[in-house]
Amino acid sequence: MVKMFEQAIDESAIPTDDEKKLRVISKTQCAGCGRYFTGMSIFDAHRLGPATARRCMTEDEMRAAGMASEPLMVRVYHENHTNREEHEVWYDVGARETLRQVFAKMPSQGYGALPEAG
């Protein structure tokens, strides 16, 4: 047991680094560049140009547009098998901060905190 803030906390309730990596709720992989994204809106935002000449943003362009990436465990489905693989997953920094602020105002439901922005 670890004492924090004068309250005993079961160490097993504290998420490990691997458990924190499993917090990808939705992932989308781009067939063009192979990158993974946390959802369709961030995936759509990384694609530029008209439908006949679309291209993927470079990593520098994505960072300039307010995106960032971090290594996370991703569930990969293939022929009725599920595997977990580590991949760089891109997310919207502004959207993550908005969620962090919303959840900070809510009473704890025991789900743990959002991972720190990286």
Protein backbone atom coordinates (compact mmCIF):
# COMPACT_ATOMS: atom_id res chain seq x y z
CA MET A 1 0.00 0.00 0.00
CA VAL A 2 1.11 3.56 -0.75
CA LYS A 3 -0.05 6.56 1.25
CA MET A 4 -0.98 9.60 -0.77
CA PHE A 5 -2.79 12.63 0.54
CA GLU A 6 -3.28 10.80 3.85
CA GLN A 7 -5.39 8.17 2.08
CA ALA A 8 -4.28 4.59 1.51
CA ILE A 9 -4.26 3.60 -2.15
CA ASP A 10 -3.93 0.08 -3.46
CA GLU A 11 -0.87 0.07 -5.76
CA SER A 12 -2.62 -2.39 -8.08
CA ALA A 13 -5.19 0.34 -8.88
CA ILE A 14 -2.47 2.61 -10.28
CA PRO A 15 -2.21 2.02 -14.05
CA THR A 16 1.13 0.75 -15.32
CA ASP A 17 2.81 2.34 -18.35
CA ASP A 18 1.53 -0.55 -20.50
CA GLU A 19 -2.03 -0.03 -19.25
CA LYS A 20 -1.81 3.67 -20.06
CA LYS A 21 -0.81 2.73 -23.61
CA LEU A 22 -4.01 0.70 -24.01
CA ARG A 23 -6.20 3.81 -23.91
CA VAL A 24 -6.79 4.02 -27.65
CA ILE A 25 -10.56 3.91 -28.01
CA SER A 26 -10.76 4.30 -31.76
CA LYS A 27 -8.06 4.00 -34.35
CA THR A 28 -7.97 4.57 -38.05
CA GLN A 29 -5.07 3.55 -40.28
CA CYS A 30 -4.38 5.48 -43.46
CA ALA A 31 -3.90 3.29 -46.54
CA GLY A 32 -1.82 6.07 -48.12
CA CYS A 33 0.84 6.70 -45.48
CA GLY A 34 0.24 3.82 -43.04
CA ARG A 35 -0.07 6.11 -40.00
CA TYR A 36 -2.61 5.47 -37.22
CA PHE A 37 -5.04 8.12 -35.94
CA THR A 38 -7.32 8.30 -32.90
CA GLY A 39 -10.42 8.75 -35.06
CA MET A 40 -11.92 9.76 -38.37
CA SER A 41 -11.84 13.54 -37.84
CA ILE A 42 -8.07 13.62 -37.22
CA PHE A 43 -7.58 11.15 -40.09
CA ASP A 44 -9.60 13.38 -42.46
CA ALA A 45 -7.66 16.45 -41.30
CA HIS A 46 -4.32 14.90 -42.36
CA ARG A 47 -5.49 14.47 -45.97
CA LEU A 48 -5.06 17.46 -48.32
CA GLY A 49 -6.14 18.38 -51.83
CA PRO A 50 -9.03 17.60 -54.16
CA ALA A 51 -10.43 14.06 -54.36
CA THR A 52 -8.54 13.37 -57.59
CA ALA A 53 -5.16 14.40 -56.15
CA ARG A 54 -5.31 13.88 -52.40
CA ARG A 55 -2.16 13.43 -50.39
CA CYS A 56 -1.18 12.87 -46.77
CA MET A 57 0.40 15.64 -44.72
CA THR A 58 4.04 15.23 -43.75
CA GLU A 59 4.83 14.86 -40.05
CA ASP A 60 6.00 18.49 -39.97
CA GLU A 61 2.72 19.64 -41.56
CA MET A 62 0.70 17.62 -39.05
CA ARG A 63 2.59 19.12 -36.10
CA ALA A 64 2.09 22.63 -37.53
CA ALA A 65 -1.67 21.86 -37.78
CA GLY A 66 -1.88 21.04 -34.05
CA MET A 67 -1.42 17.28 -34.19
CA ALA A 68 0.97 15.17 -32.14
CA SER A 69 1.77 11.49 -31.83
CA GLU A 70 2.65 9.04 -29.10
CA PRO A 71 3.41 5.32 -28.98
CA LEU A 72 0.27 3.37 -28.02
CA MET A 73 -0.90 -0.20 -28.13
CA VAL A 74 -3.35 -0.70 -31.00
CA ARG A 75 -5.70 -3.64 -31.47
CA VAL A 76 -5.16 -5.12 -34.90
CA TYR A 77 -7.76 -7.51 -36.34
CA HIS A 78 -6.70 -10.00 -38.98
CA GLU A 79 -8.54 -13.14 -40.11
CA ASN A 80 -10.50 -13.66 -36.87
CA HIS A 81 -7.43 -12.97 -34.71
CA THR A 82 -6.83 -9.96 -32.50
CA ASN A 83 -3.31 -8.81 -31.73
CA ARG A 84 -1.95 -5.81 -29.88
CA GLU A 85 0.87 -3.95 -31.58
CA GLU A 86 2.64 -0.76 -30.60
CA HIS A 87 2.31 2.05 -33.16
CA GLU A 88 2.75 5.82 -33.25
CA VAL A 89 -0.81 7.15 -33.01
CA TRP A 90 -1.62 10.70 -34.08
CA TYR A 91 -4.15 12.83 -32.17
CA ASP A 92 -5.50 16.41 -32.09
CA VAL A 93 -3.74 18.30 -29.29
CA GLY A 94 -6.59 20.84 -28.93
CA ALA A 95 -9.27 18.15 -28.71
CA ARG A 96 -7.30 16.27 -26.05
CA GLU A 97 -6.91 19.42 -23.97
CA THR A 98 -10.64 20.16 -24.26
CA LEU A 99 -11.44 16.65 -23.00
CA ARG A 100 -8.95 17.06 -20.17
CA GLN A 101 -10.68 20.26 -19.04
CA VAL A 102 -14.16 18.73 -19.26
CA PHE A 103 -13.19 15.62 -17.30
CA ALA A 104 -11.33 17.69 -14.69
CA LYS A 105 -14.66 19.31 -13.75
CA MET A 106 -16.43 15.96 -13.33
CA PRO A 107 -16.39 13.88 -10.16
CA SER A 108 -14.12 10.86 -10.43
CA GLN A 109 -15.82 7.73 -11.70
CA GLY A 110 -12.81 5.52 -11.09
CA TYR A 111 -11.76 5.39 -14.76
CA GLY A 112 -8.41 7.08 -14.23
CA ALA A 113 -7.01 10.26 -15.71
CA LEU A 114 -6.28 10.97 -19.33
CA PRO A 115 -2.62 10.40 -20.22
CA GLU A 116 -0.42 13.46 -20.05
CA ALA A 117 0.01 15.37 -23.30
CA GLY A 118 3.26 14.41 -24.95
